[in-house]
Amino acid sequence: MVQAGYDYLRSSEWEYNQISPEIKKNPRKKSKPKAKKIRSLYVKAGILLLIYAFILVYLTFQSSSLGYEIVTLEKEIERLHVSNDRLNYEIAQISSLDAIQMRAQALGMKKPDMKESMAIPLSALQVAEDKPKNTIQNESKKPLEKLYASIMSIKETNQLKI
């Protein structure tokens, strides 16, 4: 009985062990890279979404803070316009002819009469314009020459005869 000594169980295990490792190993090898690629794709998409969210929050914060600053500046502009209008009104009141006349009378001024008026000759105005030129020239002169030049300019302004 050759058949009785033959071990069927062992041969079937051997065939099973031969076939089954090939079936188990091949699908795992193919599925692992796909799963890793999908997982890394999800991670990258999540990171990009998170960065986008942070950028969106930052831009929203910036726009709201600029909005508050714009409102504050508009209020400041309005306040300055009101202050400017008030100052223009005060200038108009102070520079009105009636106000000037009242201040002049309070200081003791009065309206001129024809008897009290005085004419200033044109030569006196020209001498006054020439004085600064003479003072520049007088700086280079000696002290006695400066004194003499001053006396002569006084004589010319008053039209005195010496």
Protein backbone atom coordinates (compact mmCIF):
# COMPACT_ATOMS: atom_id res chain seq x y z
CA MET A 1 0.00 0.00 0.00
CA VAL A 2 1.90 2.58 -1.37
CA GLN A 3 -0.99 4.88 -1.19
CA ALA A 4 -1.34 4.42 2.53
CA GLY A 5 2.12 5.77 3.10
CA TYR A 6 1.53 8.78 0.89
CA ASP A 7 0.71 11.88 2.83
CA TYR A 8 -2.05 13.81 1.05
CA LEU A 9 -2.31 16.38 3.69
CA ARG A 10 1.20 17.51 3.27
CA SER A 11 0.99 17.84 -0.45
CA SER A 12 -2.17 19.93 -0.30
CA GLU A 13 -0.61 22.26 2.25
CA TRP A 14 2.36 22.63 0.08
CA GLU A 15 0.26 23.62 -2.89
CA TYR A 16 -1.81 25.95 -0.73
CA ASN A 17 1.27 27.59 0.68
CA GLN A 18 2.68 27.92 -2.80
CA ILE A 19 -0.38 29.63 -4.25
CA SER A 20 -1.62 31.73 -1.40
CA PRO A 21 1.47 33.86 -0.70
CA GLU A 22 1.40 35.07 -4.28
CA ILE A 23 -2.23 36.09 -4.06
CA LYS A 24 -1.79 37.88 -0.73
CA LYS A 25 1.40 39.72 -1.60
CA ASN A 26 0.47 41.11 -5.01
CA PRO A 27 -2.71 43.03 -4.06
CA ARG A 28 -1.06 44.59 -1.02
CA LYS A 29 1.90 45.80 -3.00
CA LYS A 30 -0.33 47.46 -5.58
CA SER A 31 -2.77 48.95 -3.07
CA LYS A 32 -0.17 50.46 -0.70
CA PRO A 33 1.29 52.93 -3.21
CA LYS A 34 -2.20 54.04 -4.27
CA ALA A 35 -3.27 54.51 -0.67
CA LYS A 36 -0.12 56.49 0.10
CA LYS A 37 -0.61 58.66 -2.97
CA ILE A 38 -4.23 59.33 -2.06
CA ARG A 39 -3.31 60.02 1.56
CA SER A 40 -0.50 62.40 0.54
CA LEU A 41 -2.89 64.08 -1.89
CA TYR A 42 -5.40 64.61 0.95
CA VAL A 43 -2.66 65.96 3.22
CA LYS A 44 -1.44 68.39 0.55
CA ALA A 45 -5.00 69.51 -0.17
CA GLY A 46 -5.60 69.99 3.55
CA ILE A 47 -2.44 72.07 3.93
CA LEU A 48 -3.35 74.22 0.94
CA LEU A 49 -6.86 74.69 2.33
CA LEU A 50 -5.42 75.69 5.71
CA ILE A 51 -3.05 78.19 4.09
CA TYR A 52 -5.92 79.61 2.04
CA ALA A 53 -8.01 79.95 5.20
CA PHE A 54 -5.20 81.81 6.99
CA ILE A 55 -4.74 84.15 4.04
CA LEU A 56 -8.49 84.77 3.92
CA VAL A 57 -8.62 85.57 7.65
CA TYR A 58 -5.60 87.89 7.33
CA LEU A 59 -7.09 89.79 4.41
CA THR A 60 -10.44 90.08 6.18
CA PHE A 61 -8.71 91.46 9.26
CA GLN A 62 -6.73 93.95 7.18
CA SER A 63 -9.80 95.17 5.30
CA SER A 64 -11.79 95.63 8.50
CA SER A 65 -8.97 97.53 10.21
CA LEU A 66 -8.58 99.74 7.12
CA GLY A 67 -12.33 100.31 7.15
CA TYR A 68 -12.17 101.49 10.77
CA GLU A 69 -9.25 103.75 9.91
CA ILE A 70 -11.16 105.24 6.96
CA VAL A 71 -14.16 105.98 9.18
CA THR A 72 -11.89 107.61 11.78
CA LEU A 73 -10.20 109.76 9.13
CA GLU A 74 -13.55 110.80 7.64
CA LYS A 75 -14.72 111.91 11.10
CA GLU A 76 -11.47 113.85 11.53
CA ILE A 77 -11.94 115.52 8.13
CA GLU A 78 -15.50 116.50 9.05
CA ARG A 79 -14.30 117.92 12.38
CA LEU A 80 -11.61 119.94 10.60
CA HIS A 81 -14.14 121.28 8.07
CA VAL A 82 -16.39 122.45 10.92
CA SER A 83 -13.41 124.04 12.68
CA ASN A 84 -12.32 125.72 9.43
CA ASP A 85 -15.82 127.12 8.85
CA ARG A 86 -15.90 128.44 12.43
CA LEU A 87 -12.50 130.14 11.97
CA ASN A 88 -13.59 131.67 8.66
CA TYR A 89 -16.67 133.06 10.42
CA GLU A 90 -14.51 134.55 13.18
CA ILE A 91 -12.16 136.10 10.58
CA ALA A 92 -15.13 137.61 8.77
CA GLN A 93 -16.47 139.09 12.03
CA ILE A 94 -13.12 140.51 13.11
CA SER A 95 -12.23 141.96 9.71
CA SER A 96 -15.61 143.58 9.10
CA LEU A 97 -15.50 147.36 8.78
CA ASP A 98 -17.82 147.89 11.73
CA ALA A 99 -15.61 145.83 14.05
CA ILE A 100 -12.48 147.64 12.87
CA GLN A 101 -14.12 151.02 13.40
CA MET A 102 -15.21 150.06 16.93
CA ARG A 103 -11.69 148.90 17.84
CA ALA A 104 -10.17 152.08 16.38
CA GLN A 105 -12.52 154.27 18.44
CA ALA A 106 -11.73 152.20 21.56
CA LEU A 107 -8.03 152.91 20.97
CA GLY A 108 -8.71 156.64 20.77
CA MET A 109 -8.59 157.09 17.01
CA LYS A 110 -10.97 159.40 15.24
CA LYS A 111 -11.93 160.13 11.68
CA PRO A 112 -9.58 162.63 10.02
CA ASP A 113 -10.77 166.07 9.05
CA MET A 114 -9.51 168.02 6.08
CA LYS A 115 -7.78 170.42 8.46
CA GLU A 116 -5.75 167.63 10.10
CA SER A 117 -4.54 165.84 6.97
CA MET A 118 -0.88 165.94 5.96
CA ALA A 119 0.87 165.13 2.70
CA ILE A 120 4.23 163.34 2.64
CA PRO A 121 6.53 164.29 -0.21
CA LEU A 122 7.73 161.59 -2.56
CA SER A 123 11.39 162.44 -1.90
CA ALA A 124 11.03 161.32 1.72
CA LEU A 125 9.87 157.92 0.53
CA GLN A 126 12.79 157.63 -1.86
CA VAL A 127 15.29 158.45 0.87
CA ALA A 128 13.78 155.75 3.03
CA GLU A 129 14.30 153.27 0.22
CA ASP A 130 17.91 154.42 -0.26
CA LYS A 131 18.85 154.06 3.41
CA PRO A 132 19.52 150.30 3.33
CA LYS A 133 21.97 150.82 0.46
CA ASN A 134 23.84 153.49 2.45
CA THR A 135 24.04 151.30 5.54
CA ILE A 136 25.76 148.58 3.54
CA GLN A 137 28.32 151.09 2.30
CA ASN A 138 28.71 152.58 5.80
CA GLU A 139 29.78 149.26 7.31
CA SER A 140 33.10 149.40 5.49
CA LYS A 141 33.82 153.05 6.54
CA LYS A 142 35.55 154.30 9.64
CA PRO A 143 33.44 155.41 12.66
CA LEU A 144 33.77 159.15 11.99
CA GLU A 145 32.80 158.70 8.38
CA LYS A 146 29.74 156.70 9.51
CA LEU A 147 28.72 159.51 11.84
CA TYR A 148 29.13 162.12 9.09
CA ALA A 149 27.08 159.97 6.65
CA SER A 150 24.30 159.59 9.22
CA ILE A 151 24.15 163.35 9.85
CA MET A 152 23.99 163.98 6.11
CA SER A 153 21.15 161.48 5.62
CA ILE A 154 19.19 163.14 8.46
CA LYS A 155 19.78 166.52 6.84
CA GLU A 156 18.48 165.22 3.51
CA THR A 157 15.36 163.67 5.03
CA ASN A 158 14.45 166.84 6.90
CA GLN A 159 15.66 169.11 4.10
CA LEU A 160 17.67 171.27 6.47
CA LYS A 161 20.16 173.92 5.40
CA ILE A 162 23.42 173.96 7.30
